[in-house]
Amino acid sequence: MQQHGSLVRRQAIASALDLLGSKPLYLDTETTGLGTQDEIIEIALIEHDGSVRLESLVRPLGVIPPDATALHGITHSMVRDSPTWREIWPEVRAALQGRRIAVYNARFDLRLMQQTHRKHSMAWDPPTATFECLMEMYARYRGDWDRVKGDYRWHSLAEASRQSRLALENAHRAREDARLARALLEHLAAQAAP
């Protein structure tokens, strides 16, 4: 298992190098919660050089529960004059089109995009883009085996940041967390043998 773990770790580093070399776009969202009826209330897209491609609060159709506000600090008054998902989606879709998108927990963000589409009675018409999950990449790099799950253990972005000794904090805001995902990918790629 030790040799296999070392090989998987090297493969994760090689994947990080490949993704970093493609100059990906980093995506992060904040939401009203984690459930099947929740929706996106903030989105950020950060370019490979760290510049902000798009950053916006999003006015939800539903309420922002207090426990969600306690986590990310986004309140109803903050989103009152923000665009709705229907209004901002064309700009988001155009930015994603044809790109490799680096996301920490890509499945979650893709699910929430689809859910938010449904809440706004929009047909899901995904952009032609490749979504790369940095959480899964980091799990393979870290190599903590979960016997119950039968796969490598996932770590939160905050855990991955602490374990990698990154200077940035997990702020639970879209722009800062997209930048943290960028720093983590750079860290993984830097582990390649010279």
N, C-alpha and C. Protein backbone atom coordinates (compact mmCIF):
# COMPACT_ATOMS: atom_id res chain seq x y z
N MET A 1 0.83 -1.20 0.00
CA MET A 1 0.00 0.00 0.00
C MET A 1 0.87 1.26 0.00
N GLN A 2 2.03 1.20 0.64
CA GLN A 2 2.93 2.35 0.69
C GLN A 2 3.37 2.77 -0.72
N GLN A 3 3.77 1.77 -1.55
CA GLN A 3 4.20 2.06 -2.92
C GLN A 3 3.05 2.62 -3.73
N HIS A 4 1.86 2.01 -3.58
CA HIS A 4 0.68 2.48 -4.30
C HIS A 4 0.37 3.92 -3.91
N GLY A 5 0.43 4.22 -2.60
CA GLY A 5 0.18 5.58 -2.11
C GLY A 5 1.16 6.58 -2.69
N SER A 6 2.42 6.18 -2.81
CA SER A 6 3.43 7.06 -3.38
C SER A 6 3.16 7.34 -4.85
N LEU A 7 2.73 6.30 -5.57
CA LEU A 7 2.39 6.47 -6.98
C LEU A 7 1.20 7.39 -7.15
N VAL A 8 0.16 7.20 -6.34
CA VAL A 8 -1.04 8.05 -6.40
C VAL A 8 -0.68 9.49 -6.09
N ARG A 9 0.21 9.69 -5.11
CA ARG A 9 0.65 11.04 -4.75
C ARG A 9 1.37 11.70 -5.92
N ARG A 10 2.27 10.95 -6.57
CA ARG A 10 3.00 11.49 -7.74
C ARG A 10 2.03 11.81 -8.88
N GLN A 11 1.02 10.98 -9.04
CA GLN A 11 0.02 11.24 -10.08
C GLN A 11 -0.78 12.51 -9.77
N ALA A 12 -1.09 12.71 -8.50
CA ALA A 12 -1.81 13.93 -8.10
C ALA A 12 -0.96 15.17 -8.38
N ILE A 13 0.33 15.08 -8.09
CA ILE A 13 1.24 16.20 -8.36
C ILE A 13 1.33 16.45 -9.86
N ALA A 14 1.41 15.38 -10.65
CA ALA A 14 1.46 15.53 -12.11
C ALA A 14 0.16 16.16 -12.63
N SER A 15 -0.98 15.77 -12.06
CA SER A 15 -2.26 16.36 -12.45
C SER A 15 -2.28 17.85 -12.11
N ALA A 16 -1.74 18.19 -10.95
CA ALA A 16 -1.68 19.61 -10.55
C ALA A 16 -0.81 20.40 -11.51
N LEU A 17 0.33 19.84 -11.87
CA LEU A 17 1.22 20.52 -12.83
C LEU A 17 0.53 20.74 -14.17
N ASP A 18 -0.16 19.71 -14.65
CA ASP A 18 -0.87 19.79 -15.92
C ASP A 18 -1.96 20.86 -15.86
N LEU A 19 -2.76 20.83 -14.80
CA LEU A 19 -3.84 21.80 -14.66
C LEU A 19 -3.29 23.21 -14.54
N LEU A 20 -2.28 23.40 -13.74
CA LEU A 20 -1.68 24.72 -13.57
C LEU A 20 -1.14 25.23 -14.91
N GLY A 21 -0.52 24.35 -15.68
CA GLY A 21 0.02 24.73 -16.98
C GLY A 21 -1.03 25.15 -18.00
N SER A 22 -2.27 24.73 -17.77
CA SER A 22 -3.35 25.10 -18.70
C SER A 22 -3.96 26.47 -18.39
N LYS A 23 -3.45 27.14 -17.37
CA LYS A 23 -3.94 28.45 -16.95
C LYS A 23 -5.46 28.43 -16.69
N PRO A 24 -5.86 27.64 -15.67
CA PRO A 24 -7.29 27.47 -15.42
C PRO A 24 -7.95 28.72 -14.86
N LEU A 25 -9.26 28.68 -14.88
CA LEU A 25 -10.09 29.67 -14.22
C LEU A 25 -10.55 29.03 -12.91
N TYR A 26 -10.46 29.74 -11.80
CA TYR A 26 -10.84 29.22 -10.49
C TYR A 26 -12.24 29.72 -10.15
N LEU A 27 -13.09 28.81 -9.67
CA LEU A 27 -14.47 29.14 -9.36
C LEU A 27 -14.77 28.79 -7.91
N ASP A 28 -15.52 29.66 -7.26
CA ASP A 28 -16.04 29.35 -5.94
C ASP A 28 -17.39 30.02 -5.78
N THR A 29 -18.27 29.39 -5.00
CA THR A 29 -19.58 29.95 -4.72
C THR A 29 -19.85 29.91 -3.22
N GLU A 30 -20.76 30.76 -2.80
CA GLU A 30 -21.35 30.68 -1.47
C GLU A 30 -22.84 30.48 -1.68
N THR A 31 -23.48 29.77 -0.75
CA THR A 31 -24.86 29.34 -0.96
C THR A 31 -25.72 29.57 0.27
N THR A 32 -27.02 29.32 0.08
CA THR A 32 -27.95 29.43 1.21
C THR A 32 -27.86 28.21 2.12
N GLY A 33 -27.14 27.18 1.69
CA GLY A 33 -26.99 25.97 2.48
C GLY A 33 -26.46 24.84 1.62
N LEU A 34 -26.55 23.63 2.15
CA LEU A 34 -25.99 22.46 1.48
C LEU A 34 -27.04 21.53 0.89
N GLY A 35 -28.31 21.81 1.14
CA GLY A 35 -29.38 20.90 0.76
C GLY A 35 -29.82 20.99 -0.69
N THR A 36 -30.82 20.19 -1.00
CA THR A 36 -31.31 20.08 -2.38
C THR A 36 -32.15 21.26 -2.83
N GLN A 37 -32.55 22.13 -1.91
CA GLN A 37 -33.34 23.30 -2.27
C GLN A 37 -32.54 24.60 -2.15
N ASP A 38 -31.26 24.49 -1.82
CA ASP A 38 -30.44 25.69 -1.63
C ASP A 38 -29.97 26.25 -2.96
N GLU A 39 -29.49 27.50 -2.91
CA GLU A 39 -29.10 28.19 -4.14
C GLU A 39 -27.87 29.06 -3.91
N ILE A 40 -27.26 29.46 -5.00
CA ILE A 40 -26.05 30.27 -4.98
C ILE A 40 -26.40 31.72 -4.65
N ILE A 41 -25.61 32.31 -3.73
CA ILE A 41 -25.81 33.73 -3.39
C ILE A 41 -24.54 34.55 -3.59
N GLU A 42 -23.45 33.89 -3.98
CA GLU A 42 -22.23 34.62 -4.34
C GLU A 42 -21.41 33.72 -5.25
N ILE A 43 -20.79 34.33 -6.26
CA ILE A 43 -19.92 33.59 -7.17
C ILE A 43 -18.71 34.44 -7.49
N ALA A 44 -17.57 33.76 -7.63
CA ALA A 44 -16.34 34.45 -8.04
C ALA A 44 -15.60 33.56 -9.02
N LEU A 45 -15.04 34.19 -10.04
CA LEU A 45 -14.18 33.53 -11.01
C LEU A 45 -12.86 34.29 -11.01
N ILE A 46 -11.79 33.57 -10.70
CA ILE A 46 -10.45 34.16 -10.60
C ILE A 46 -9.59 33.59 -11.72
N GLU A 47 -8.92 34.46 -12.44
CA GLU A 47 -8.02 34.03 -13.52
C GLU A 47 -6.76 33.37 -12.95
N HIS A 48 -6.05 32.68 -13.80
CA HIS A 48 -4.82 31.97 -13.41
C HIS A 48 -3.79 32.90 -12.79
N ASP A 49 -3.81 34.19 -13.16
CA ASP A 49 -2.84 35.14 -12.62
C ASP A 49 -3.32 35.80 -11.32
N GLY A 50 -4.49 35.40 -10.84
CA GLY A 50 -5.03 35.94 -9.59
C GLY A 50 -5.97 37.10 -9.77
N SER A 51 -6.13 37.59 -10.99
CA SER A 51 -7.05 38.71 -11.22
C SER A 51 -8.50 38.23 -11.19
N VAL A 52 -9.38 39.13 -10.83
CA VAL A 52 -10.80 38.80 -10.72
C VAL A 52 -11.45 38.91 -12.09
N ARG A 53 -11.98 37.80 -12.58
CA ARG A 53 -12.70 37.80 -13.86
C ARG A 53 -14.15 38.22 -13.63
N LEU A 54 -14.74 37.70 -12.54
CA LEU A 54 -16.13 38.02 -12.20
C LEU A 54 -16.29 37.79 -10.70
N GLU A 55 -16.99 38.70 -10.07
CA GLU A 55 -17.32 38.54 -8.64
C GLU A 55 -18.65 39.23 -8.42
N SER A 56 -19.60 38.50 -7.86
CA SER A 56 -20.91 39.11 -7.63
C SER A 56 -21.66 38.38 -6.53
N LEU A 57 -22.37 39.16 -5.74
CA LEU A 57 -23.41 38.60 -4.90
C LEU A 57 -24.58 38.28 -5.83
N VAL A 58 -25.43 37.35 -5.42
CA VAL A 58 -26.56 36.93 -6.23
C VAL A 58 -27.81 36.96 -5.35
N ARG A 59 -28.84 37.65 -5.82
CA ARG A 59 -30.08 37.74 -5.05
C ARG A 59 -30.85 36.42 -5.19
N PRO A 60 -31.06 35.70 -4.08
CA PRO A 60 -31.76 34.41 -4.16
C PRO A 60 -33.27 34.59 -4.22
N LEU A 61 -33.95 33.54 -4.64
CA LEU A 61 -35.40 33.54 -4.59
C LEU A 61 -35.88 33.21 -3.18
N GLY A 62 -35.11 32.39 -2.48
CA GLY A 62 -35.46 31.99 -1.11
C GLY A 62 -34.76 32.85 -0.08
N VAL A 63 -34.82 32.37 1.15
CA VAL A 63 -34.22 33.09 2.26
C VAL A 63 -32.79 32.61 2.50
N ILE A 64 -32.01 33.44 3.13
CA ILE A 64 -30.67 33.05 3.58
C ILE A 64 -30.81 32.69 5.05
N PRO A 65 -30.69 31.42 5.39
CA PRO A 65 -30.86 31.01 6.78
C PRO A 65 -29.77 31.62 7.68
N PRO A 66 -30.11 31.85 8.95
CA PRO A 66 -29.12 32.42 9.87
C PRO A 66 -27.84 31.60 9.99
N ASP A 67 -27.94 30.25 9.92
CA ASP A 67 -26.72 29.44 10.05
C ASP A 67 -25.81 29.63 8.84
N ALA A 68 -26.38 29.89 7.66
CA ALA A 68 -25.55 30.17 6.48
C ALA A 68 -24.89 31.54 6.64
N THR A 69 -25.66 32.53 7.09
CA THR A 69 -25.10 33.87 7.32
C THR A 69 -23.98 33.81 8.35
N ALA A 70 -24.16 32.99 9.37
CA ALA A 70 -23.12 32.86 10.41
C ALA A 70 -21.82 32.33 9.82
N LEU A 71 -21.91 31.52 8.78
CA LEU A 71 -20.72 30.94 8.16
C LEU A 71 -20.02 31.93 7.24
N HIS A 72 -20.77 32.53 6.30
CA HIS A 72 -20.13 33.39 5.29
C HIS A 72 -20.40 34.88 5.47
N GLY A 73 -21.32 35.24 6.34
CA GLY A 73 -21.56 36.65 6.63
C GLY A 73 -22.45 37.36 5.62
N ILE A 74 -23.02 36.64 4.67
CA ILE A 74 -23.86 37.27 3.64
C ILE A 74 -25.30 37.35 4.16
N THR A 75 -25.84 38.58 4.16
CA THR A 75 -27.19 38.84 4.67
C THR A 75 -28.13 39.23 3.53
N HIS A 76 -29.43 39.23 3.84
CA HIS A 76 -30.44 39.66 2.86
C HIS A 76 -30.20 41.09 2.40
N SER A 77 -29.83 41.97 3.31
CA SER A 77 -29.62 43.37 2.92
C SER A 77 -28.44 43.49 1.96
N MET A 78 -27.45 42.61 2.06
CA MET A 78 -26.29 42.65 1.16
C MET A 78 -26.66 42.25 -0.26
N VAL A 79 -27.63 41.35 -0.42
CA VAL A 79 -27.97 40.84 -1.76
C VAL A 79 -29.20 41.52 -2.36
N ARG A 80 -29.83 42.40 -1.62
CA ARG A 80 -31.10 43.02 -2.05
C ARG A 80 -31.02 43.63 -3.45
N ASP A 81 -29.94 44.33 -3.76
CA ASP A 81 -29.82 45.00 -5.07
C ASP A 81 -28.90 44.25 -6.03
N SER A 82 -28.58 43.01 -5.71
CA SER A 82 -27.70 42.20 -6.56
C SER A 82 -28.48 41.57 -7.70
N PRO A 83 -27.80 41.17 -8.77
CA PRO A 83 -28.49 40.49 -9.85
C PRO A 83 -29.00 39.12 -9.41
N THR A 84 -30.05 38.65 -10.05
CA THR A 84 -30.52 37.29 -9.81
C THR A 84 -29.62 36.33 -10.59
N TRP A 85 -29.78 35.04 -10.31
CA TRP A 85 -29.00 34.04 -11.05
C TRP A 85 -29.33 34.11 -12.54
N ARG A 86 -30.59 34.30 -12.88
CA ARG A 86 -30.99 34.41 -14.29
C ARG A 86 -30.26 35.58 -14.96
N GLU A 87 -30.11 36.67 -14.24
CA GLU A 87 -29.46 37.86 -14.81
C GLU A 87 -27.95 37.68 -14.95
N ILE A 88 -27.31 36.99 -14.02
CA ILE A 88 -25.85 36.89 -14.06
C ILE A 88 -25.34 35.68 -14.85
N TRP A 89 -26.19 34.66 -15.03
CA TRP A 89 -25.74 33.43 -15.66
C TRP A 89 -25.12 33.63 -17.05
N PRO A 90 -25.67 34.45 -17.94
CA PRO A 90 -25.03 34.60 -19.26
C PRO A 90 -23.56 35.04 -19.16
N GLU A 91 -23.25 35.92 -18.23
CA GLU A 91 -21.87 36.36 -18.04
C GLU A 91 -21.01 35.25 -17.46
N VAL A 92 -21.55 34.51 -16.51
CA VAL A 92 -20.83 33.38 -15.92
C VAL A 92 -20.56 32.33 -16.99
N ARG A 93 -21.59 31.97 -17.74
CA ARG A 93 -21.46 30.94 -18.77
C ARG A 93 -20.41 31.32 -19.81
N ALA A 94 -20.44 32.58 -20.25
CA ALA A 94 -19.46 33.05 -21.24
C ALA A 94 -18.04 32.95 -20.70
N ALA A 95 -17.85 33.26 -19.42
CA ALA A 95 -16.51 33.20 -18.82
C ALA A 95 -16.01 31.77 -18.71
N LEU A 96 -16.92 30.81 -18.46
CA LEU A 96 -16.54 29.41 -18.29
C LEU A 96 -16.29 28.71 -19.62
N GLN A 97 -16.91 29.19 -20.66
CA GLN A 97 -16.91 28.52 -21.95
C GLN A 97 -15.49 28.19 -22.44
N GLY A 98 -15.28 26.90 -22.74
CA GLY A 98 -14.02 26.46 -23.33
C GLY A 98 -12.83 26.41 -22.38
N ARG A 99 -13.06 26.59 -21.11
CA ARG A 99 -11.96 26.67 -20.14
C ARG A 99 -11.88 25.41 -19.29
N ARG A 100 -10.71 25.22 -18.69
CA ARG A 100 -10.57 24.27 -17.59
C ARG A 100 -10.84 25.06 -16.33
N ILE A 101 -11.75 24.56 -15.51
CA ILE A 101 -12.21 25.26 -14.32
C ILE A 101 -11.73 24.49 -13.10
N ALA A 102 -10.95 25.13 -12.27
CA ALA A 102 -10.44 24.52 -11.03
C ALA A 102 -11.37 24.92 -9.89
N VAL A 103 -11.92 23.89 -9.23
CA VAL A 103 -12.91 24.11 -8.16
C VAL A 103 -12.58 23.20 -6.99
N TYR A 104 -12.62 23.74 -5.79
CA TYR A 104 -12.46 22.89 -4.61
C TYR A 104 -13.84 22.35 -4.28
N ASN A 105 -14.07 21.07 -4.53
CA ASN A 105 -15.35 20.37 -4.43
C ASN A 105 -16.24 20.71 -5.62
N ALA A 106 -15.78 20.34 -6.79
CA ALA A 106 -16.48 20.64 -8.04
C ALA A 106 -17.89 20.07 -8.07
N ARG A 107 -18.08 18.87 -7.53
CA ARG A 107 -19.43 18.27 -7.55
C ARG A 107 -20.44 19.17 -6.86
N PHE A 108 -20.03 19.74 -5.72
CA PHE A 108 -20.94 20.60 -4.98
C PHE A 108 -21.30 21.84 -5.80
N ASP A 109 -20.31 22.53 -6.33
CA ASP A 109 -20.59 23.76 -7.06
C ASP A 109 -21.41 23.49 -8.33
N LEU A 110 -21.12 22.40 -9.02
CA LEU A 110 -21.92 22.05 -10.20
C LEU A 110 -23.37 21.72 -9.80
N ARG A 111 -23.53 20.98 -8.71
CA ARG A 111 -24.88 20.66 -8.24
C ARG A 111 -25.64 21.92 -7.89
N LEU A 112 -24.97 22.85 -7.21
CA LEU A 112 -25.65 24.09 -6.82
C LEU A 112 -25.96 24.97 -8.02
N MET A 113 -25.13 24.95 -9.04
CA MET A 113 -25.46 25.69 -10.26
C MET A 113 -26.72 25.11 -10.89
N GLN A 114 -26.80 23.79 -10.96
CA GLN A 114 -27.98 23.13 -11.53
C GLN A 114 -29.22 23.42 -10.69
N GLN A 115 -29.10 23.31 -9.37
CA GLN A 115 -30.23 23.60 -8.48
C GLN A 115 -30.70 25.03 -8.63
N THR A 116 -29.75 25.95 -8.72
CA THR A 116 -30.11 27.36 -8.84
C THR A 116 -30.81 27.60 -10.17
N HIS A 117 -30.36 26.92 -11.21
CA HIS A 117 -31.07 26.99 -12.49
C HIS A 117 -32.53 26.54 -12.31
N ARG A 118 -32.73 25.40 -11.67
CA ARG A 118 -34.08 24.87 -11.48
C ARG A 118 -34.95 25.84 -10.68
N LYS A 119 -34.38 26.42 -9.63
CA LYS A 119 -35.16 27.36 -8.80
C LYS A 119 -35.61 28.56 -9.61
N HIS A 120 -34.82 28.92 -10.63
CA HIS A 120 -35.16 30.07 -11.47
C HIS A 120 -35.87 29.65 -12.75
N SER A 121 -36.33 28.39 -12.78
CA SER A 121 -37.04 27.84 -13.95
C SER A 121 -36.23 27.98 -15.24
N MET A 122 -34.95 27.71 -15.13
CA MET A 122 -34.04 27.76 -16.28
C MET A 122 -33.62 26.34 -16.64
N ALA A 123 -33.58 26.05 -17.92
CA ALA A 123 -33.07 24.76 -18.37
C ALA A 123 -31.56 24.76 -18.17
N TRP A 124 -31.02 23.63 -17.68
CA TRP A 124 -29.58 23.54 -17.47
C TRP A 124 -28.88 23.34 -18.82
N ASP A 125 -28.16 24.35 -19.24
CA ASP A 125 -27.41 24.32 -20.49
C ASP A 125 -25.96 24.62 -20.13
N PRO A 126 -25.22 23.59 -19.70
CA PRO A 126 -23.87 23.84 -19.18
C PRO A 126 -22.93 24.34 -20.26
N PRO A 127 -21.97 25.15 -19.87
CA PRO A 127 -20.95 25.59 -20.83
C PRO A 127 -20.06 24.42 -21.21
N THR A 128 -19.43 24.55 -22.36
CA THR A 128 -18.43 23.56 -22.75
C THR A 128 -17.17 23.90 -21.97
N ALA A 129 -16.98 23.22 -20.87
CA ALA A 129 -15.86 23.47 -19.97
C ALA A 129 -15.52 22.17 -19.27
N THR A 130 -14.31 22.08 -18.77
CA THR A 130 -13.88 20.92 -18.00
C THR A 130 -13.70 21.35 -16.56
N PHE A 131 -14.49 20.77 -15.68
CA PHE A 131 -14.41 21.10 -14.26
C PHE A 131 -13.47 20.12 -13.57
N GLU A 132 -12.43 20.63 -12.93
CA GLU A 132 -11.42 19.83 -12.26
C GLU A 132 -11.58 20.00 -10.75
N CYS A 133 -11.71 18.89 -10.03
CA CYS A 133 -11.94 18.95 -8.59
C CYS A 133 -10.62 18.94 -7.82
N LEU A 134 -10.29 20.08 -7.23
CA LEU A 134 -9.06 20.19 -6.44
C LEU A 134 -9.18 19.43 -5.12
N MET A 135 -10.39 19.25 -4.61
CA MET A 135 -10.56 18.50 -3.38
C MET A 135 -10.17 17.03 -3.59
N GLU A 136 -10.60 16.45 -4.70
CA GLU A 136 -10.25 15.07 -5.00
C GLU A 136 -8.75 14.94 -5.29
N MET A 137 -8.19 15.93 -6.00
CA MET A 137 -6.76 15.93 -6.28
C MET A 137 -5.96 15.99 -4.98
N TYR A 138 -6.39 16.88 -4.06
CA TYR A 138 -5.69 17.01 -2.80
C TYR A 138 -5.82 15.73 -1.97
N ALA A 139 -6.98 15.07 -2.02
CA ALA A 139 -7.18 13.82 -1.27
C ALA A 139 -6.18 12.77 -1.74
N ARG A 140 -5.96 12.67 -3.04
CA ARG A 140 -4.99 11.70 -3.57
C ARG A 140 -3.56 12.09 -3.17
N TYR A 141 -3.29 13.39 -3.20
CA TYR A 141 -1.96 13.88 -2.79
C TYR A 141 -1.71 13.57 -1.32
N ARG A 142 -2.69 13.84 -0.48
CA ARG A 142 -2.54 13.66 0.97
C ARG A 142 -2.45 12.17 1.33
N GLY A 143 -3.28 11.36 0.68
CA GLY A 143 -3.18 9.91 0.83
C GLY A 143 -3.74 9.31 2.10
N ASP A 144 -4.67 9.99 2.76
CA ASP A 144 -5.31 9.43 3.96
C ASP A 144 -6.44 8.50 3.51
N TRP A 145 -6.21 7.19 3.65
CA TRP A 145 -7.17 6.21 3.18
C TRP A 145 -8.35 6.07 4.14
N ASP A 146 -9.56 6.09 3.61
CA ASP A 146 -10.78 5.91 4.39
C ASP A 146 -11.31 4.50 4.09
N ARG A 147 -11.14 3.60 5.06
CA ARG A 147 -11.56 2.20 4.84
C ARG A 147 -13.06 2.07 4.62
N VAL A 148 -13.83 2.87 5.33
CA VAL A 148 -15.28 2.80 5.20
C VAL A 148 -15.72 3.23 3.80
N LYS A 149 -15.20 4.33 3.35
CA LYS A 149 -15.56 4.86 2.03
C LYS A 149 -14.86 4.09 0.91
N GLY A 150 -13.73 3.47 1.23
CA GLY A 150 -12.97 2.76 0.22
C GLY A 150 -12.30 3.69 -0.77
N ASP A 151 -11.91 4.86 -0.29
CA ASP A 151 -11.27 5.87 -1.14
C ASP A 151 -10.46 6.81 -0.23
N TYR A 152 -9.76 7.73 -0.85
CA TYR A 152 -8.99 8.69 -0.09
C TYR A 152 -9.93 9.69 0.59
N ARG A 153 -9.61 10.03 1.82
CA ARG A 153 -10.44 10.94 2.62
C ARG A 153 -10.37 12.35 2.07
N TRP A 154 -11.54 12.95 1.94
CA TRP A 154 -11.61 14.35 1.52
C TRP A 154 -11.31 15.24 2.72
N HIS A 155 -10.72 16.38 2.45
CA HIS A 155 -10.40 17.37 3.47
C HIS A 155 -11.09 18.68 3.09
N SER A 156 -11.55 19.42 4.07
CA SER A 156 -12.13 20.73 3.78
C SER A 156 -11.03 21.64 3.24
N LEU A 157 -11.44 22.71 2.60
CA LEU A 157 -10.46 23.68 2.09
C LEU A 157 -9.65 24.26 3.25
N ALA A 158 -10.29 24.49 4.39
CA ALA A 158 -9.58 25.01 5.56
C ALA A 158 -8.52 24.01 6.04
N GLU A 159 -8.88 22.71 6.08
CA GLU A 159 -7.92 21.68 6.49
C GLU A 159 -6.75 21.62 5.50
N ALA A 160 -7.06 21.61 4.22
CA ALA A 160 -6.02 21.53 3.19
C ALA A 160 -5.08 22.73 3.30
N SER A 161 -5.63 23.89 3.57
CA SER A 161 -4.82 25.10 3.72
C SER A 161 -3.88 24.99 4.92
N ARG A 162 -4.42 24.53 6.06
CA ARG A 162 -3.59 24.37 7.26
C ARG A 162 -2.51 23.31 7.04
N GLN A 163 -2.91 22.17 6.49
CA GLN A 163 -1.96 21.08 6.27
C GLN A 163 -0.85 21.49 5.31
N SER A 164 -1.17 22.37 4.36
CA SER A 164 -0.18 22.80 3.37
C SER A 164 0.56 24.06 3.80
N ARG A 165 0.19 24.57 4.98
CA ARG A 165 0.82 25.77 5.54
C ARG A 165 0.73 26.97 4.58
N LEU A 166 -0.45 27.16 4.00
CA LEU A 166 -0.66 28.29 3.10
C LEU A 166 -0.92 29.54 3.93
N ALA A 167 -0.50 30.67 3.41
CA ALA A 167 -0.63 31.93 4.13
C ALA A 167 -2.07 32.45 4.10
N LEU A 168 -2.88 31.99 3.15
CA LEU A 168 -4.26 32.47 3.02
C LEU A 168 -5.18 31.66 3.92
N GLU A 169 -6.23 32.32 4.41
CA GLU A 169 -7.22 31.65 5.27
C GLU A 169 -8.46 31.31 4.46
N ASN A 170 -9.17 30.26 4.88
CA ASN A 170 -10.47 29.92 4.31
C ASN A 170 -11.48 30.92 4.88
N ALA A 171 -11.91 31.86 4.05
CA ALA A 171 -12.75 32.96 4.52
C ALA A 171 -14.24 32.71 4.35
N HIS A 172 -14.62 31.65 3.65
CA HIS A 172 -16.02 31.38 3.33
C HIS A 172 -16.66 32.54 2.57
N ARG A 173 -15.87 33.17 1.72
CA ARG A 173 -16.38 34.13 0.74
C ARG A 173 -15.77 33.70 -0.60
N ALA A 174 -16.54 33.88 -1.65
CA ALA A 174 -16.20 33.27 -2.94
C ALA A 174 -14.84 33.72 -3.49
N ARG A 175 -14.56 35.01 -3.51
CA ARG A 175 -13.29 35.48 -4.08
C ARG A 175 -12.10 34.94 -3.29
N GLU A 176 -12.14 35.06 -1.98
CA GLU A 176 -11.02 34.64 -1.15
C GLU A 176 -10.81 33.13 -1.25
N ASP A 177 -11.90 32.37 -1.29
CA ASP A 177 -11.76 30.92 -1.36
C ASP A 177 -11.30 30.45 -2.74
N ALA A 178 -11.68 31.16 -3.80
CA ALA A 178 -11.15 30.84 -5.13
C ALA A 178 -9.65 31.12 -5.16
N ARG A 179 -9.24 32.20 -4.52
CA ARG A 179 -7.80 32.50 -4.46
C ARG A 179 -7.06 31.46 -3.60
N LEU A 180 -7.70 30.97 -2.57
CA LEU A 180 -7.10 29.93 -1.74
C LEU A 180 -6.97 28.63 -2.55
N ALA A 181 -7.97 28.31 -3.35
CA ALA A 181 -7.89 27.13 -4.22
C ALA A 181 -6.73 27.28 -5.20
N ARG A 182 -6.53 28.47 -5.72
CA ARG A 182 -5.39 28.74 -6.62
C ARG A 182 -4.07 28.51 -5.89
N ALA A 183 -3.96 29.01 -4.67
CA ALA A 183 -2.73 28.83 -3.89
C ALA A 183 -2.47 27.36 -3.61
N LEU A 184 -3.53 26.60 -3.35
CA LEU A 184 -3.38 25.17 -3.07
C LEU A 184 -2.90 24.44 -4.33
N LEU A 185 -3.46 24.75 -5.48
CA LEU A 185 -3.01 24.10 -6.72
C LEU A 185 -1.54 24.44 -6.98
N GLU A 186 -1.15 25.68 -6.78
CA GLU A 186 0.25 26.05 -6.95
C GLU A 186 1.15 25.28 -5.99
N HIS A 187 0.68 25.10 -4.75
CA HIS A 187 1.44 24.33 -3.76
C HIS A 187 1.62 22.89 -4.19
N LEU A 188 0.54 22.27 -4.67
CA LEU A 188 0.63 20.88 -5.13
C LEU A 188 1.60 20.75 -6.30
N ALA A 189 1.49 21.65 -7.26
CA ALA A 189 2.38 21.60 -8.43
C ALA A 189 3.83 21.80 -8.03
N ALA A 190 4.07 22.61 -7.00
CA ALA A 190 5.45 22.88 -6.53
C ALA A 190 6.09 21.68 -5.87
N GLN A 191 5.30 20.63 -5.58
CA GLN A 191 5.86 19.44 -4.94
C GLN A 191 6.55 18.52 -5.93
N ALA A 192 6.48 18.85 -7.22
CA ALA A 192 7.13 18.02 -8.23
C ALA A 192 8.64 18.04 -8.02
N ALA A 193 9.26 16.90 -8.21
CA ALA A 193 10.72 16.81 -8.04
C ALA A 193 11.39 17.68 -9.09
N PRO A 194 12.45 18.43 -8.69
CA PRO A 194 13.14 19.30 -9.64
C PRO A 194 13.84 18.51 -10.74
